[in-house]
Amino acid sequence: MLRRHTIICLLMSLAAASLSARGDDLPPAGRTVGLEDRLKAGLRAQLPAEEDFIEKVVLLVRTGKLPGKLVDSTYIWAIERRKEYPFPAFEKALRLQADKIGVRL
């Protein structure tokens, strides 16, 4: 499972980087795409409210209030479940999981 997770994260990082139309938007060599960029690209966030939700999730992860592993596992589940537009599945599932651990999204 861990190997699969690593491969998916690598592929999503590459996909996020390839979404850039200009080469100067790519992360410098040796750096990976950040959580926020990976979530926005992988979940195909389109609306300002979706981007706001992702920014809030990233802030909660950075401050230690929301486990990164929970976000990653929900992200992988959502993109496997709804390949065309995974954001709604991600948001709903993450809200449910966060409520279980007492984190309000």
Foldseek 3Di string as FASTA:
>chain_A
DVVVLVVVQVVLQVQLQVVDPDPVVHDPPPDTDDQLSSLCRLQVDDDPVLSVVSVVVVVCCVVPNDPPVLLSVLSVVQCVVDVVHSSVSSVVVSCVVSVVVPHHD
